[in-house]
Every structure is written in structure tokens, then in C-alpha cells.
N, C-alpha and C. Protein backbone atom coordinates (compact mmCIF):
# COMPACT_ATOMS: atom_id res chain seq x y z
N MET A 1 -33.50 -42.62 -16.08
CA MET A 1 -33.85 -41.48 -15.35
C MET A 1 -35.17 -40.82 -15.70
N GLU A 2 -35.81 -40.36 -14.48
CA GLU A 2 -37.27 -39.76 -14.81
C GLU A 2 -36.85 -38.15 -14.38
N THR A 3 -37.51 -37.38 -14.82
CA THR A 3 -37.54 -35.98 -14.48
C THR A 3 -38.97 -35.53 -14.19
N SER A 4 -39.07 -34.59 -13.10
CA SER A 4 -40.42 -33.81 -12.91
C SER A 4 -40.01 -32.34 -12.76
N PHE A 5 -41.17 -31.50 -12.93
CA PHE A 5 -41.03 -30.13 -12.58
C PHE A 5 -41.89 -29.66 -11.59
N LEU A 6 -41.46 -28.68 -10.79
CA LEU A 6 -42.39 -28.39 -9.47
C LEU A 6 -42.45 -26.55 -9.77
N GLN A 7 -43.59 -26.13 -9.81
CA GLN A 7 -43.70 -24.65 -9.68
C GLN A 7 -43.70 -24.26 -8.33
N SER A 8 -42.68 -23.58 -7.76
CA SER A 8 -42.47 -23.36 -6.13
C SER A 8 -42.44 -21.87 -6.27
N PRO A 9 -42.79 -21.14 -5.03
CA PRO A 9 -42.79 -19.74 -4.94
C PRO A 9 -41.31 -18.98 -5.14
N ILE A 10 -40.20 -19.87 -5.22
CA ILE A 10 -39.09 -19.03 -5.59
C ILE A 10 -38.49 -19.51 -6.96
N GLY A 11 -39.36 -20.07 -7.79
CA GLY A 11 -39.04 -20.47 -9.22
C GLY A 11 -39.20 -21.91 -9.29
N ILE A 12 -38.96 -22.41 -10.56
CA ILE A 12 -39.28 -23.81 -11.03
C ILE A 12 -38.23 -24.80 -10.73
N ILE A 13 -38.48 -25.98 -10.04
CA ILE A 13 -37.61 -26.95 -9.51
C ILE A 13 -37.80 -28.14 -10.49
N LYS A 14 -36.37 -28.62 -10.83
CA LYS A 14 -36.43 -29.82 -11.63
C LYS A 14 -35.73 -31.01 -10.68
N ILE A 15 -36.73 -31.94 -10.80
CA ILE A 15 -36.54 -33.19 -9.89
C ILE A 15 -36.09 -34.31 -10.59
N THR A 16 -34.84 -34.88 -10.69
CA THR A 16 -34.76 -36.37 -11.31
C THR A 16 -34.38 -37.22 -10.50
N GLY A 17 -34.80 -38.74 -10.84
CA GLY A 17 -34.39 -39.51 -10.03
C GLY A 17 -34.88 -40.77 -10.71
N ASP A 18 -34.86 -42.08 -10.13
CA ASP A 18 -35.34 -43.36 -10.70
C ASP A 18 -35.74 -44.06 -9.57
N SER A 19 -35.87 -45.64 -9.70
CA SER A 19 -36.39 -46.30 -8.55
C SER A 19 -35.18 -46.36 -7.36
N SER A 20 -34.22 -45.97 -7.73
CA SER A 20 -33.09 -46.15 -6.60
C SER A 20 -33.13 -44.74 -5.72
N GLY A 21 -33.81 -43.74 -5.94
CA GLY A 21 -33.62 -42.75 -5.35
C GLY A 21 -33.98 -41.39 -6.02
N ILE A 22 -33.80 -40.13 -5.26
CA ILE A 22 -33.80 -39.01 -5.83
C ILE A 22 -32.12 -38.58 -6.38
N ARG A 23 -31.94 -38.14 -7.50
CA ARG A 23 -30.58 -37.85 -7.74
C ARG A 23 -30.33 -36.20 -7.72
N SER A 24 -31.52 -35.65 -7.96
CA SER A 24 -31.21 -34.28 -8.04
C SER A 24 -32.36 -33.16 -7.70
N VAL A 25 -32.20 -32.35 -7.15
CA VAL A 25 -33.52 -31.46 -6.78
C VAL A 25 -32.54 -29.86 -7.13
N GLU A 26 -32.97 -29.28 -8.30
CA GLU A 26 -32.42 -28.15 -8.70
C GLU A 26 -33.36 -27.04 -9.26
N PHE A 27 -32.84 -25.74 -9.17
CA PHE A 27 -33.76 -24.68 -9.77
C PHE A 27 -33.34 -24.77 -11.23
N THR A 28 -34.20 -24.27 -12.26
CA THR A 28 -34.02 -24.43 -13.28
C THR A 28 -34.59 -22.92 -13.99
N ASP A 29 -34.01 -22.62 -15.13
CA ASP A 29 -34.49 -21.42 -15.74
C ASP A 29 -35.71 -21.72 -16.56
N ALA A 30 -36.05 -22.84 -16.69
CA ALA A 30 -37.32 -23.50 -17.57
C ALA A 30 -37.30 -23.41 -18.81
N SER A 31 -36.04 -23.52 -19.49
CA SER A 31 -36.09 -23.37 -20.81
C SER A 31 -36.13 -24.73 -21.37
N GLU A 32 -36.29 -25.64 -20.61
CA GLU A 32 -36.67 -27.01 -20.93
C GLU A 32 -37.95 -27.29 -21.17
N ILE A 33 -38.72 -28.14 -21.94
CA ILE A 33 -40.24 -28.55 -21.98
C ILE A 33 -40.56 -29.08 -20.67
N ILE A 34 -41.42 -28.37 -20.13
CA ILE A 34 -42.09 -29.07 -18.70
C ILE A 34 -43.22 -29.82 -18.93
N ALA A 35 -43.06 -31.05 -18.45
CA ALA A 35 -44.26 -31.85 -18.70
C ALA A 35 -45.07 -31.71 -17.42
N ALA A 36 -46.24 -31.86 -17.60
CA ALA A 36 -47.36 -31.90 -16.59
C ALA A 36 -47.33 -33.18 -15.81
N GLU A 37 -47.18 -34.31 -16.54
CA GLU A 37 -47.19 -35.72 -15.75
C GLU A 37 -45.99 -35.83 -14.82
N ILE A 38 -46.35 -36.44 -13.69
CA ILE A 38 -45.27 -36.61 -12.82
C ILE A 38 -45.04 -38.11 -12.71
N PRO A 39 -43.67 -38.63 -13.08
CA PRO A 39 -43.49 -40.02 -13.13
C PRO A 39 -43.64 -40.56 -11.62
N SER A 40 -44.27 -41.58 -11.61
CA SER A 40 -44.47 -42.35 -10.00
C SER A 40 -43.11 -42.49 -9.44
N GLU A 41 -41.88 -42.43 -9.96
CA GLU A 41 -40.76 -42.70 -9.00
C GLU A 41 -40.41 -41.17 -8.50
N LEU A 42 -41.15 -40.08 -9.22
CA LEU A 42 -40.73 -38.90 -8.51
C LEU A 42 -41.93 -38.25 -7.93
N PHE A 43 -43.22 -38.78 -7.86
CA PHE A 43 -44.44 -38.26 -7.13
C PHE A 43 -44.39 -38.23 -5.57
N GLU A 44 -43.93 -38.83 -4.84
CA GLU A 44 -43.69 -38.66 -3.36
C GLU A 44 -42.78 -37.44 -2.98
N ALA A 45 -41.50 -37.22 -3.69
CA ALA A 45 -40.78 -36.18 -3.81
C ALA A 45 -41.42 -34.95 -4.18
N THR A 46 -42.05 -34.92 -5.03
CA THR A 46 -42.94 -33.63 -5.54
C THR A 46 -44.04 -33.27 -4.57
N THR A 47 -44.71 -34.31 -4.10
CA THR A 47 -45.54 -34.16 -3.04
C THR A 47 -44.97 -33.54 -1.70
N GLN A 48 -43.77 -34.24 -1.26
CA GLN A 48 -43.25 -33.54 -0.13
C GLN A 48 -42.57 -32.16 -0.06
N LEU A 49 -42.33 -31.92 -1.53
CA LEU A 49 -41.89 -30.53 -1.76
C LEU A 49 -42.91 -29.56 -1.59
N THR A 50 -44.04 -29.95 -2.38
CA THR A 50 -45.18 -29.05 -2.34
C THR A 50 -45.47 -28.96 -0.91
N GLU A 51 -45.86 -29.90 -0.03
CA GLU A 51 -46.08 -29.63 1.34
C GLU A 51 -45.00 -28.87 2.18
N TYR A 52 -43.68 -28.71 1.67
CA TYR A 52 -42.96 -27.88 2.57
C TYR A 52 -43.15 -26.51 1.97
N PHE A 53 -43.27 -26.31 0.81
CA PHE A 53 -43.56 -24.87 0.35
C PHE A 53 -44.97 -24.38 1.13
N GLU A 54 -45.95 -25.45 1.34
CA GLU A 54 -47.13 -24.92 1.76
C GLU A 54 -47.09 -24.74 3.36
N GLY A 55 -45.98 -25.05 3.96
CA GLY A 55 -45.59 -24.83 5.32
C GLY A 55 -46.41 -26.10 6.14
N LYS A 56 -46.57 -27.01 5.38
CA LYS A 56 -47.20 -28.36 5.96
C LYS A 56 -46.03 -29.47 6.47
N ARG A 57 -44.78 -29.09 6.03
CA ARG A 57 -43.65 -30.36 6.34
C ARG A 57 -42.40 -29.61 6.57
N SER A 58 -41.58 -30.18 7.72
CA SER A 58 -40.47 -29.57 7.95
C SER A 58 -39.35 -30.71 7.81
N GLN A 59 -39.70 -31.83 7.63
CA GLN A 59 -38.80 -33.01 7.39
C GLN A 59 -39.20 -33.85 6.16
N PHE A 60 -38.20 -34.40 5.61
CA PHE A 60 -38.26 -35.12 4.35
C PHE A 60 -38.10 -36.55 4.54
N ASP A 61 -38.97 -37.64 4.15
CA ASP A 61 -38.66 -39.04 4.13
C ASP A 61 -38.64 -39.43 2.80
N LEU A 62 -37.24 -39.59 2.20
CA LEU A 62 -37.46 -39.70 0.67
C LEU A 62 -35.99 -40.38 0.63
N GLN A 63 -36.05 -41.49 -0.27
CA GLN A 63 -34.88 -42.34 -0.90
C GLN A 63 -34.10 -41.32 -1.62
N LEU A 64 -32.76 -41.10 -1.17
CA LEU A 64 -31.78 -40.12 -1.84
C LEU A 64 -30.74 -40.94 -2.43
N SER A 65 -30.47 -40.52 -3.60
CA SER A 65 -29.20 -41.20 -4.16
C SER A 65 -28.25 -40.21 -4.93
N PRO A 66 -27.80 -39.37 -4.07
CA PRO A 66 -26.78 -38.14 -4.95
C PRO A 66 -25.52 -39.08 -5.23
N GLU A 67 -25.26 -38.31 -6.27
CA GLU A 67 -23.97 -38.92 -7.07
C GLU A 67 -22.69 -37.81 -6.44
N GLY A 68 -21.68 -38.62 -5.76
CA GLY A 68 -20.40 -37.52 -5.45
C GLY A 68 -19.50 -38.37 -4.64
N THR A 69 -18.20 -37.71 -4.32
CA THR A 69 -17.35 -38.52 -3.41
C THR A 69 -17.81 -38.80 -2.24
N GLU A 70 -16.94 -39.85 -1.62
CA GLU A 70 -17.15 -40.50 -0.37
C GLU A 70 -17.30 -38.98 0.80
N PHE A 71 -16.00 -38.05 0.51
CA PHE A 71 -16.30 -36.90 1.38
C PHE A 71 -17.25 -35.98 1.38
N GLN A 72 -18.05 -35.67 0.13
CA GLN A 72 -18.99 -35.08 -0.25
C GLN A 72 -20.25 -35.55 0.10
N LYS A 73 -20.37 -36.94 0.14
CA LYS A 73 -21.64 -37.71 0.83
C LYS A 73 -21.49 -37.47 2.53
N LYS A 74 -20.60 -37.38 2.89
CA LYS A 74 -20.63 -37.29 4.51
C LYS A 74 -20.78 -35.76 4.70
N VAL A 75 -20.14 -34.92 4.11
CA VAL A 75 -20.98 -33.36 4.30
C VAL A 75 -22.21 -33.40 4.06
N TRP A 76 -22.93 -34.10 3.09
CA TRP A 76 -24.58 -33.83 2.64
C TRP A 76 -25.13 -34.66 3.71
N HIS A 77 -24.55 -35.54 4.26
CA HIS A 77 -25.30 -36.38 5.56
C HIS A 77 -25.26 -35.50 6.40
N LEU A 78 -24.23 -34.81 7.00
CA LEU A 78 -24.22 -33.89 7.90
C LEU A 78 -24.95 -32.94 7.68
N LEU A 79 -25.33 -32.26 6.63
CA LEU A 79 -26.31 -31.20 6.31
C LEU A 79 -27.71 -31.66 6.76
N THR A 80 -28.12 -32.84 6.46
CA THR A 80 -29.44 -33.38 6.95
C THR A 80 -29.71 -33.49 8.37
N THR A 81 -28.57 -33.11 9.09
CA THR A 81 -28.92 -33.46 10.74
C THR A 81 -28.94 -31.88 10.93
N ILE A 82 -28.97 -30.75 10.33
CA ILE A 82 -29.19 -29.47 10.80
C ILE A 82 -30.84 -29.27 10.82
N PRO A 83 -31.33 -29.00 11.97
CA PRO A 83 -32.86 -28.93 12.28
C PRO A 83 -33.29 -27.93 11.41
N PHE A 84 -34.50 -28.17 11.09
CA PHE A 84 -35.39 -27.11 10.43
C PHE A 84 -35.69 -25.85 11.32
N GLY A 85 -35.48 -24.81 10.75
CA GLY A 85 -35.63 -23.52 11.67
C GLY A 85 -34.13 -23.29 12.09
N LYS A 86 -33.00 -24.01 11.95
CA LYS A 86 -31.72 -23.56 12.46
C LYS A 86 -30.60 -23.46 11.45
N THR A 87 -29.53 -22.99 11.62
CA THR A 87 -28.50 -22.81 10.75
C THR A 87 -27.24 -23.25 11.41
N SER A 88 -26.19 -23.74 10.54
CA SER A 88 -24.98 -23.94 11.24
C SER A 88 -23.84 -23.24 10.05
N SER A 89 -22.66 -23.25 10.36
CA SER A 89 -21.54 -22.66 9.62
C SER A 89 -20.93 -23.59 9.18
N TYR A 90 -20.02 -23.24 8.08
CA TYR A 90 -18.91 -23.92 7.28
C TYR A 90 -17.96 -24.39 8.45
N GLN A 91 -17.41 -23.80 9.54
CA GLN A 91 -16.58 -23.94 10.38
C GLN A 91 -17.35 -25.16 11.29
N GLU A 92 -18.45 -25.17 11.76
CA GLU A 92 -19.25 -26.07 12.60
C GLU A 92 -19.31 -27.42 11.66
N ILE A 93 -19.58 -27.43 10.30
CA ILE A 93 -19.36 -28.71 9.36
C ILE A 93 -18.16 -29.44 9.62
N ALA A 94 -17.07 -28.43 9.17
CA ALA A 94 -15.75 -29.08 9.35
C ALA A 94 -15.25 -29.58 10.76
N ASN A 95 -15.76 -29.05 11.78
CA ASN A 95 -15.55 -29.49 13.10
C ASN A 95 -16.17 -30.95 13.37
N LYS A 96 -17.60 -30.84 12.87
CA LYS A 96 -18.21 -32.10 13.10
C LYS A 96 -17.51 -33.40 12.18
N LEU A 97 -16.87 -32.96 11.14
CA LEU A 97 -16.21 -33.91 10.27
C LEU A 97 -14.89 -34.31 11.12
N GLY A 98 -14.37 -33.69 12.26
CA GLY A 98 -13.30 -34.12 12.89
C GLY A 98 -11.94 -33.42 12.43
N ASP A 99 -12.12 -32.35 11.79
CA ASP A 99 -10.83 -31.47 11.26
C ASP A 99 -11.40 -30.19 10.94
N PRO A 100 -11.10 -29.22 11.69
CA PRO A 100 -11.52 -27.89 11.47
C PRO A 100 -10.70 -27.37 10.31
N LYS A 101 -9.55 -28.01 9.85
CA LYS A 101 -8.77 -27.37 8.78
C LYS A 101 -9.67 -27.84 7.38
N VAL A 102 -10.72 -28.65 7.49
CA VAL A 102 -11.36 -29.15 6.09
C VAL A 102 -12.30 -27.91 5.82
N ILE A 103 -12.64 -26.87 6.37
CA ILE A 103 -13.52 -25.98 6.04
C ILE A 103 -13.69 -25.52 4.61
N ARG A 104 -12.64 -25.27 3.97
CA ARG A 104 -12.77 -25.13 2.50
C ARG A 104 -13.33 -26.43 1.64
N ALA A 105 -12.90 -27.38 1.95
CA ALA A 105 -13.52 -28.58 1.48
C ALA A 105 -14.71 -28.94 1.56
N ALA A 106 -15.05 -28.53 2.95
CA ALA A 106 -16.64 -28.79 3.53
C ALA A 106 -17.39 -27.72 2.64
N ALA A 107 -17.06 -26.61 2.64
CA ALA A 107 -17.67 -25.50 1.87
C ALA A 107 -18.05 -25.99 0.16
N SER A 108 -16.99 -26.48 -0.21
CA SER A 108 -16.75 -26.94 -1.71
C SER A 108 -17.92 -28.10 -1.94
N ALA A 109 -17.92 -28.86 -0.89
CA ALA A 109 -19.01 -30.14 -0.96
C ALA A 109 -20.23 -29.56 -0.82
N ASN A 110 -20.47 -28.46 0.15
CA ASN A 110 -21.85 -28.11 0.36
C ASN A 110 -22.19 -27.34 -0.88
N GLY A 111 -21.47 -26.62 -1.51
CA GLY A 111 -21.77 -26.04 -2.82
C GLY A 111 -22.16 -26.90 -3.91
N LYS A 112 -21.72 -28.18 -4.06
CA LYS A 112 -21.76 -29.20 -4.94
C LYS A 112 -23.08 -30.00 -4.72
N ASN A 113 -23.60 -29.70 -3.49
CA ASN A 113 -25.02 -30.51 -3.19
C ASN A 113 -25.87 -30.59 -4.21
N PRO A 114 -26.25 -31.81 -4.86
CA PRO A 114 -27.16 -31.90 -5.89
C PRO A 114 -28.43 -31.95 -5.78
N ILE A 115 -28.89 -32.08 -4.35
CA ILE A 115 -30.23 -32.09 -3.84
C ILE A 115 -30.67 -30.97 -3.20
N ALA A 116 -30.98 -29.91 -3.69
CA ALA A 116 -31.44 -28.63 -3.03
C ALA A 116 -32.56 -29.00 -2.15
N ILE A 117 -32.94 -28.04 -0.90
CA ILE A 117 -33.87 -28.15 -0.19
C ILE A 117 -33.99 -29.43 0.69
N ILE A 118 -33.99 -30.63 0.08
CA ILE A 118 -34.21 -31.85 1.05
C ILE A 118 -32.83 -32.18 1.57
N ILE A 119 -31.52 -31.91 0.85
CA ILE A 119 -30.37 -31.95 1.73
C ILE A 119 -29.96 -30.34 1.76
N PRO A 120 -30.39 -29.83 3.10
CA PRO A 120 -30.62 -28.20 3.36
C PRO A 120 -29.42 -27.80 3.42
N CYS A 121 -28.49 -27.42 2.24
CA CYS A 121 -27.24 -26.69 2.11
C CYS A 121 -27.70 -25.05 2.40
N HIS A 122 -28.82 -24.81 2.36
CA HIS A 122 -29.49 -23.27 2.26
C HIS A 122 -29.06 -23.03 3.97
N ARG A 123 -29.10 -24.14 4.65
CA ARG A 123 -28.76 -23.78 6.37
C ARG A 123 -27.60 -23.62 6.73
N VAL A 124 -26.61 -23.37 5.96
CA VAL A 124 -25.15 -23.27 6.16
C VAL A 124 -24.96 -21.63 5.88
N ILE A 125 -24.21 -21.06 6.87
CA ILE A 125 -24.24 -19.84 6.91
C ILE A 125 -22.69 -19.43 7.16
N GLY A 126 -22.22 -18.10 6.92
CA GLY A 126 -20.84 -17.83 7.31
C GLY A 126 -20.84 -17.69 8.99
N SER A 127 -19.73 -17.78 9.30
CA SER A 127 -19.39 -17.90 10.93
C SER A 127 -19.91 -16.63 11.54
N ASP A 128 -20.15 -15.63 10.53
CA ASP A 128 -20.29 -14.21 11.28
C ASP A 128 -21.75 -13.97 11.09
N GLY A 129 -22.38 -15.08 10.80
CA GLY A 129 -23.95 -15.09 10.40
C GLY A 129 -24.37 -14.50 9.04
N SER A 130 -23.38 -14.20 8.14
CA SER A 130 -23.78 -13.83 6.81
C SER A 130 -24.39 -14.70 5.94
N LEU A 131 -25.19 -14.44 4.89
CA LEU A 131 -25.71 -15.18 4.08
C LEU A 131 -24.44 -15.26 2.92
N THR A 132 -23.86 -16.69 2.71
CA THR A 132 -22.59 -16.76 1.68
C THR A 132 -23.42 -17.63 0.64
N GLY A 133 -22.54 -17.94 -0.40
CA GLY A 133 -23.19 -18.44 -1.57
C GLY A 133 -24.14 -19.74 -1.56
N TYR A 134 -24.95 -19.66 -2.52
CA TYR A 134 -26.07 -20.66 -2.78
C TYR A 134 -26.03 -20.80 -4.16
N ALA A 135 -25.98 -22.02 -4.49
CA ALA A 135 -26.27 -22.41 -6.14
C ALA A 135 -27.52 -22.07 -6.76
N GLY A 136 -28.60 -21.95 -5.69
CA GLY A 136 -29.79 -21.34 -6.33
C GLY A 136 -30.07 -19.96 -6.34
N GLY A 137 -28.92 -19.41 -5.88
CA GLY A 137 -29.01 -17.80 -5.62
C GLY A 137 -29.39 -17.38 -4.28
N LEU A 138 -28.62 -16.17 -3.67
CA LEU A 138 -28.94 -15.58 -2.44
C LEU A 138 -30.22 -15.28 -1.99
N HIS A 139 -30.98 -14.89 -3.23
CA HIS A 139 -32.31 -14.36 -2.92
C HIS A 139 -33.17 -15.74 -2.46
N ARG A 140 -33.02 -16.80 -3.00
CA ARG A 140 -33.64 -18.07 -2.60
C ARG A 140 -33.23 -18.75 -1.35
N LYS A 141 -31.84 -18.52 -1.11
CA LYS A 141 -31.54 -18.93 0.23
C LYS A 141 -32.04 -18.13 1.41
N LYS A 142 -32.15 -16.88 1.24
CA LYS A 142 -32.88 -15.86 1.84
C LYS A 142 -34.30 -16.37 2.30
N TRP A 143 -35.03 -16.59 1.27
CA TRP A 143 -36.37 -16.90 1.26
C TRP A 143 -36.55 -18.34 2.05
N LEU A 144 -35.78 -19.33 1.86
CA LEU A 144 -36.06 -20.46 2.36
C LEU A 144 -35.75 -20.38 4.02
N LEU A 145 -34.46 -19.51 4.26
CA LEU A 145 -34.33 -19.46 5.46
C LEU A 145 -35.43 -18.59 6.13
N GLU A 146 -36.20 -17.69 5.71
CA GLU A 146 -37.23 -16.77 6.28
C GLU A 146 -38.37 -17.80 6.16
N HIS A 147 -38.52 -18.71 5.25
CA HIS A 147 -39.81 -19.76 5.35
C HIS A 147 -39.74 -20.53 6.38
N GLU A 148 -38.56 -21.02 6.82
CA GLU A 148 -38.17 -21.81 7.87
C GLU A 148 -37.94 -21.34 9.17
N ASN A 149 -38.07 -20.20 9.50
CA ASN A 149 -37.88 -19.42 10.63
C ASN A 149 -39.05 -19.69 11.43
N PRO A 150 -38.85 -20.52 12.83
CA PRO A 150 -39.96 -20.49 13.72
C PRO A 150 -40.62 -19.48 14.26
N VAL A 151 -40.18 -18.24 14.21
CA VAL A 151 -40.40 -16.95 14.67
C VAL A 151 -41.15 -16.07 13.54
N LYS A 152 -42.48 -16.26 12.99
CA LYS A 152 -42.78 -15.44 12.22
C LYS A 152 -43.24 -13.97 12.84
N GLN A 153 -43.22 -12.91 12.03
CA GLN A 153 -43.66 -11.69 12.32
C GLN A 153 -45.05 -11.77 12.42
N GLN A 154 -45.88 -11.20 13.27
CA GLN A 154 -47.18 -11.27 13.58
C GLN A 154 -47.63 -9.91 13.50
N SER A 155 -48.74 -9.74 12.95
CA SER A 155 -49.44 -8.58 12.86
C SER A 155 -50.19 -8.25 14.39
N LEU A 156 -50.00 -7.03 14.86
CA LEU A 156 -50.87 -6.79 16.04
C LEU A 156 -52.14 -6.27 15.95
N PHE A 157 -52.55 -5.97 14.73
CA PHE A 157 -54.12 -5.51 14.61
C PHE A 157 -54.52 -6.46 13.38
């Protein structure tokens, strides 16, 4: 398993993976030793995340290999269908899974997503439009949603 770190506008991101794909993308407190060298298996992920933060990328094209239950993987796959600049609710995710009653299980799977940003769990909000929990912290979720908002506030002067 290889590890790489990326300094982003919202903190340090730890990326892990191997030749079978990306296993995790998570925010870290950087108490670990951060190596400057990027392993070849993680170079493309680091490049695409950098482009995302620079506003040059809205979709990712990476081999992903998250570990989880079959249900979690179904939820994570659905998350990848939420378009850039859009949001969905936990209820909408449950409905797409075919059972509105699995809303809590869908929310739990969303919270266990090991691949932040690339599997966009930050795009899931409460049915009332509220920002709900995010493993990386609500301040990061808010930043990511504003970063992806297609309507940017422009200065008139």
C-alpha cells in the first residue's frame, strides 16, 4: 500500500492505494511524516485532485478500490452519479436504492465513504437543504460545495 499527501486549500489530504486503485482519500491532521515524493501508483490521483482544487477539473477518471460492504459500495457508486455543482439528499439516495426506508443505512454508508471528494459524499445534504455531518468537518463540506457552485459571485466593479 502506497501513501501520498497533498496540501489543499482546506487542509492536508492523505491518499492511499496500490496498483489495483485508490483505497482512501482523507483529511489528516498531518501528525504523520509527510514525504514529498509521490508514488507512481498515486501520481494521477494527486494530479487530478490538484486540478480539482485549481478549478480545472469537475470529474475524476481514476481506478477506485474502496473497501466496504456490498450495500456501502452501492451507495458509494450512487454518490458518483451526483453531478458536479449539484446536491442530493439522503432520502433521494435511499429512493434510488429502491427502498425509501433505508435512509439511515444510506446515511451511515455515506458517512463511511473512504474516498473523499472523488466519491462526492460532500454533495449529500439534508432534505431541508441543511448541511449535515461530514467526516472531514462541516467547514470543509461548505467549502467544497461553494467551490463546486456553478454560480460564482461576481464583482460589479
